[in-house]
Structures are given as C-alpha cells and as structure tokens.
Amino acid sequence: MRAIAFLVRAISGLNALIGNIFSWLSLAIVLVCFTVVVQRYVFSVSYVWMQDLYIWLNGAMFTAVAGFALLRNDHVRVDIFYRPASIRRKAMVDIIGVIFFLLPFSWVVFAYGWTFVSRSWRIHEASANVGGMPGLFILKTFILAFAALIALQGVAMVLRSILVLTGNEELLPEKLRYERQDTAPAEVSI
C-alpha cells in the first residue's frame, strides 16, 4: 500500500509542478495581448507572430494544466450526487468514472492525436498566417501531453480510491485526500 501511496504522491506532484509552472503563462498571455492592442491602436503597427503568440500560449497553458485541474478538483462536475456522498462512495464513483470514461477518452485523444502531431513534426509545420510564428508542431505536441497528464492523474485517482476502499487513506498527505464534509453548520459572524 505504501507503493501505491508513493505513486499517487509522485503523479500528483508531477501534475502540481507542471500546473504551477504553466499557470504563469496566463500572465504572459495578458501581457502579449495588451502589447498587441497597444501596438495596433496607439502605434498603428501589427505583428502577426505576436497575435499567434498569445493564442499559442493560451493553447499550451490549457492543455498543460488539465491534469493539475483534475488534481485540484477544479474540473466541471455535476455533483448533485457526488458532493454529499460518503468518501467510500466517492472513491467508487471515481474508479468507475476514470476506468470507463477518463482513460478511454485519454486513449482516443492520444491515438488520434499521434498521427496529427507526428505529421506536423515531419513537415515542421508553422503558422498558416503569413508572417506568423514557426514551430506549430511544438504546440501540437501539447495535445499528447494533455492526454498523458490527465490519464496519469486518472491513474492517481484510481490508486487513491483503492487506498480509501482498503482503509489506507492515512498513507496520503491531507492535501491528496478526499475532502471531509463537515457535519456541524458553519458559524456565521455578522
């Protein structure tokens, strides 16, 4: 069970590291977009490569941080039944959801993305815009990274659920455990 807990920590640590690094791209996106607007409307100058840049940064950021969002439970979930459920029920739902939905989805994205990305690398694909950025093949590689990172985080979710169902959740640090529902109502101060 300690090996399972180690794998959960390692995969979650990888996604946390990647997520914390790539989330800084949001600042770069804002700065580049602001620069493009100022150049266009104040100086009447426009560079196509800069317009490509903030769109590409956006694509890179959102594909790279998908596993991080899954780790933090920041993804969209219809939790009308999930939120009030017991921790054991949540663990079962996560196992079923990951095995029957997340992992097959990741496989489809990776399998279909592989030919798409490998073709792009073969021809060293660049922006379709004249004066655009080179290296579109690098950006397209993030499709494969997206599939791999969410699949890895899905595996970590299944392993965490196994720890819960076997009564070994205490082997994980508090931040990687399921959130406990407070039974006492929260105090409200006015």
Protein backbone atom coordinates (compact mmCIF):
# COMPACT_ATOMS: atom_id res chain seq x y z
CA MET A 1 0.00 0.00 0.00
CA ARG A 2 2.93 2.32 0.60
CA ALA A 3 3.99 1.85 -3.02
CA ILE A 4 0.50 2.87 -4.15
CA ALA A 5 0.63 5.95 -1.91
CA PHE A 6 4.06 6.80 -3.32
CA LEU A 7 2.70 6.59 -6.89
CA VAL A 8 -0.24 8.84 -6.01
CA ARG A 9 2.16 11.40 -4.49
CA ALA A 10 4.57 11.18 -7.45
CA ILE A 11 1.91 11.59 -10.15
CA SER A 12 0.14 14.34 -8.22
CA GLY A 13 3.49 16.06 -7.61
CA LEU A 14 4.30 15.97 -11.33
CA ASN A 15 0.93 17.49 -12.26
CA ALA A 16 1.26 20.09 -9.49
CA LEU A 17 4.72 21.08 -10.73
CA ILE A 18 3.61 21.33 -14.36
CA GLY A 19 0.42 23.14 -13.38
CA ASN A 20 2.22 25.69 -11.21
CA ILE A 21 4.75 26.40 -13.96
CA PHE A 22 2.33 26.60 -16.88
CA SER A 23 -0.29 28.62 -14.99
CA TRP A 24 2.17 31.52 -15.19
CA LEU A 25 1.51 31.58 -18.92
CA SER A 26 -1.75 33.38 -18.13
CA LEU A 27 0.31 36.43 -17.16
CA ALA A 28 2.31 36.17 -20.40
CA ILE A 29 -0.94 35.89 -22.38
CA VAL A 30 -2.30 39.07 -20.83
CA LEU A 31 0.95 40.96 -21.41
CA VAL A 32 1.30 39.87 -25.04
CA CYS A 33 -2.37 40.59 -25.77
CA PHE A 34 -2.09 44.03 -24.14
CA THR A 35 1.04 44.75 -26.20
CA VAL A 36 -0.72 43.73 -29.43
CA VAL A 37 -3.65 46.05 -28.65
CA VAL A 38 -1.38 49.00 -27.78
CA GLN A 39 0.71 48.46 -30.90
CA ARG A 40 -2.34 48.25 -33.12
CA TYR A 41 -4.41 51.13 -31.75
CA VAL A 42 -1.74 53.52 -30.48
CA PHE A 43 1.13 52.97 -32.93
CA SER A 44 -0.80 51.52 -35.92
CA VAL A 45 1.63 48.60 -36.04
CA SER A 46 0.69 44.94 -36.12
CA TYR A 47 2.79 41.79 -36.00
CA VAL A 48 1.07 38.57 -36.95
CA TRP A 49 3.56 36.49 -34.97
CA MET A 50 2.55 38.32 -31.78
CA GLN A 51 -1.11 37.57 -32.44
CA ASP A 52 -0.18 33.93 -32.95
CA LEU A 53 1.90 34.02 -29.77
CA TYR A 54 -0.88 34.76 -27.30
CA ILE A 55 -3.21 32.26 -28.94
CA TRP A 56 -0.49 29.59 -28.84
CA LEU A 57 0.38 30.40 -25.22
CA ASN A 58 -3.29 30.00 -24.37
CA GLY A 59 -3.42 26.59 -26.04
CA ALA A 60 -0.22 25.44 -24.36
CA MET A 61 -1.39 26.60 -20.94
CA PHE A 62 -4.82 24.99 -21.03
CA THR A 63 -3.58 21.65 -22.32
CA ALA A 64 -0.66 21.50 -19.88
CA VAL A 65 -2.69 22.36 -16.77
CA ALA A 66 -5.54 19.90 -17.40
CA GLY A 67 -4.02 17.25 -15.13
CA PHE A 68 -3.42 19.92 -12.48
CA ALA A 69 -7.08 20.94 -12.67
CA LEU A 70 -8.10 17.30 -12.24
CA LEU A 71 -5.76 17.02 -9.25
CA ARG A 72 -7.28 20.10 -7.62
CA ASN A 73 -10.83 19.01 -8.45
CA ASP A 74 -11.28 22.20 -10.47
CA HIS A 75 -12.90 20.50 -13.45
CA VAL A 76 -16.58 20.72 -14.24
CA ARG A 77 -18.55 18.09 -12.41
CA VAL A 78 -22.25 17.51 -11.96
CA ASP A 79 -22.02 16.90 -8.25
CA ILE A 80 -25.63 16.82 -7.21
CA PHE A 81 -24.98 13.26 -6.02
CA TYR A 82 -21.20 13.31 -5.65
CA ARG A 83 -20.76 16.20 -3.20
CA PRO A 84 -22.96 14.84 -0.39
CA ALA A 85 -21.78 11.25 -0.92
CA SER A 86 -19.62 9.42 1.59
CA ILE A 87 -15.90 9.17 0.92
CA ARG A 88 -16.19 5.47 0.06
CA ARG A 89 -18.95 6.20 -2.46
CA LYS A 90 -16.84 9.00 -3.98
CA ALA A 91 -13.96 6.53 -4.30
CA MET A 92 -16.20 4.05 -6.15
CA VAL A 93 -17.56 6.76 -8.45
CA ASP A 94 -14.01 7.91 -9.21
CA ILE A 95 -12.85 4.39 -10.04
CA ILE A 96 -15.80 3.82 -12.38
CA GLY A 97 -15.51 7.28 -13.94
CA VAL A 98 -11.79 7.02 -14.57
CA ILE A 99 -11.83 3.45 -15.92
CA PHE A 100 -14.90 3.77 -18.13
CA PHE A 101 -14.71 7.42 -19.20
CA LEU A 102 -11.45 9.28 -18.50
CA LEU A 103 -8.93 6.63 -19.58
CA PRO A 104 -10.78 5.71 -22.80
CA PHE A 105 -11.14 9.42 -23.61
CA SER A 106 -7.42 9.93 -22.99
CA TRP A 107 -6.59 6.96 -25.21
CA VAL A 108 -8.76 8.27 -28.07
CA VAL A 109 -7.19 11.74 -27.84
CA PHE A 110 -3.69 10.26 -27.75
CA ALA A 111 -4.29 7.71 -30.53
CA TYR A 112 -5.88 10.18 -32.93
CA GLY A 113 -3.55 12.98 -31.87
CA TRP A 114 -0.44 10.88 -32.52
CA THR A 115 -0.84 10.86 -36.31
CA PHE A 116 -1.86 14.52 -36.27
CA VAL A 117 1.19 15.52 -34.21
CA SER A 118 3.67 13.23 -35.97
CA ARG A 119 2.64 14.64 -39.36
CA SER A 120 3.13 18.13 -38.01
CA TRP A 121 6.63 17.23 -36.77
CA ARG A 122 7.53 15.60 -40.12
CA ILE A 123 6.80 18.77 -42.06
CA HIS A 124 7.92 21.16 -39.30
CA GLU A 125 4.55 22.84 -39.51
CA ALA A 126 4.38 26.59 -38.90
CA SER A 127 1.58 29.11 -38.66
CA ALA A 128 -0.74 29.27 -41.67
CA ASN A 129 -0.63 33.07 -41.40
CA VAL A 130 1.94 34.93 -43.49
CA GLY A 131 4.43 36.36 -41.01
CA GLY A 132 3.18 34.03 -38.31
CA MET A 133 5.19 32.02 -35.85
CA PRO A 134 7.24 28.96 -36.77
CA GLY A 135 7.06 25.82 -34.65
CA LEU A 136 3.36 24.98 -34.66
CA PHE A 137 4.46 21.34 -34.40
CA ILE A 138 5.71 22.05 -30.86
CA LEU A 139 2.36 23.48 -29.84
CA LYS A 140 0.53 20.48 -31.31
CA THR A 141 2.65 18.21 -29.12
CA PHE A 142 0.72 19.60 -26.16
CA ILE A 143 -2.25 17.52 -27.39
CA LEU A 144 -0.31 14.38 -26.49
CA ALA A 145 0.88 15.94 -23.22
CA PHE A 146 -2.74 16.77 -22.36
CA ALA A 147 -3.86 13.17 -22.89
CA ALA A 148 -0.89 11.77 -20.96
CA LEU A 149 -1.22 14.14 -17.99
CA ILE A 150 -4.95 13.62 -17.47
CA ALA A 151 -4.53 9.85 -17.89
CA LEU A 152 -1.75 9.85 -15.28
CA GLN A 153 -3.87 11.90 -12.90
CA GLY A 154 -6.75 9.50 -13.53
CA VAL A 155 -4.48 6.61 -12.53
CA ALA A 156 -3.60 8.55 -9.37
CA MET A 157 -7.32 8.98 -8.66
CA VAL A 158 -7.93 5.24 -9.01
CA LEU A 159 -4.98 4.45 -6.75
CA ARG A 160 -6.18 6.98 -4.17
CA SER A 161 -9.63 5.38 -4.32
CA ILE A 162 -8.06 1.95 -3.73
CA LEU A 163 -6.33 3.35 -0.64
CA VAL A 164 -9.66 4.69 0.61
CA LEU A 165 -11.52 1.44 -0.02
CA THR A 166 -8.82 -0.60 1.76
CA GLY A 167 -8.75 1.78 4.73
CA ASN A 168 -5.27 3.15 3.99
CA GLU A 169 -6.08 6.75 3.13
CA GLU A 170 -3.89 7.94 6.03
CA LEU A 171 -0.84 7.00 3.94
CA LEU A 172 -1.54 10.09 1.83
CA PRO A 173 -0.89 13.67 2.89
CA GLU A 174 -4.01 15.61 3.83
CA LYS A 175 -3.99 17.67 0.61
CA LEU A 176 -4.32 14.50 -1.52
CA ARG A 177 -7.21 13.02 0.46
CA TYR A 178 -10.90 13.43 -0.23
CA GLU A 179 -12.42 16.49 1.38
CA ARG A 180 -14.37 15.69 4.52
CA GLN A 181 -17.88 17.06 4.77
CA ASP A 182 -18.38 18.97 7.99
CA THR A 183 -21.43 17.78 9.87
CA ALA A 184 -21.72 20.87 12.03
CA PRO A 185 -23.07 24.02 10.37
CA ALA A 186 -20.52 26.75 9.84
CA GLU A 187 -20.62 29.73 12.15
CA VAL A 188 -21.71 32.94 10.57
CA SER A 189 -20.43 36.18 12.02
CA ILE A 190 -22.06 39.46 11.21
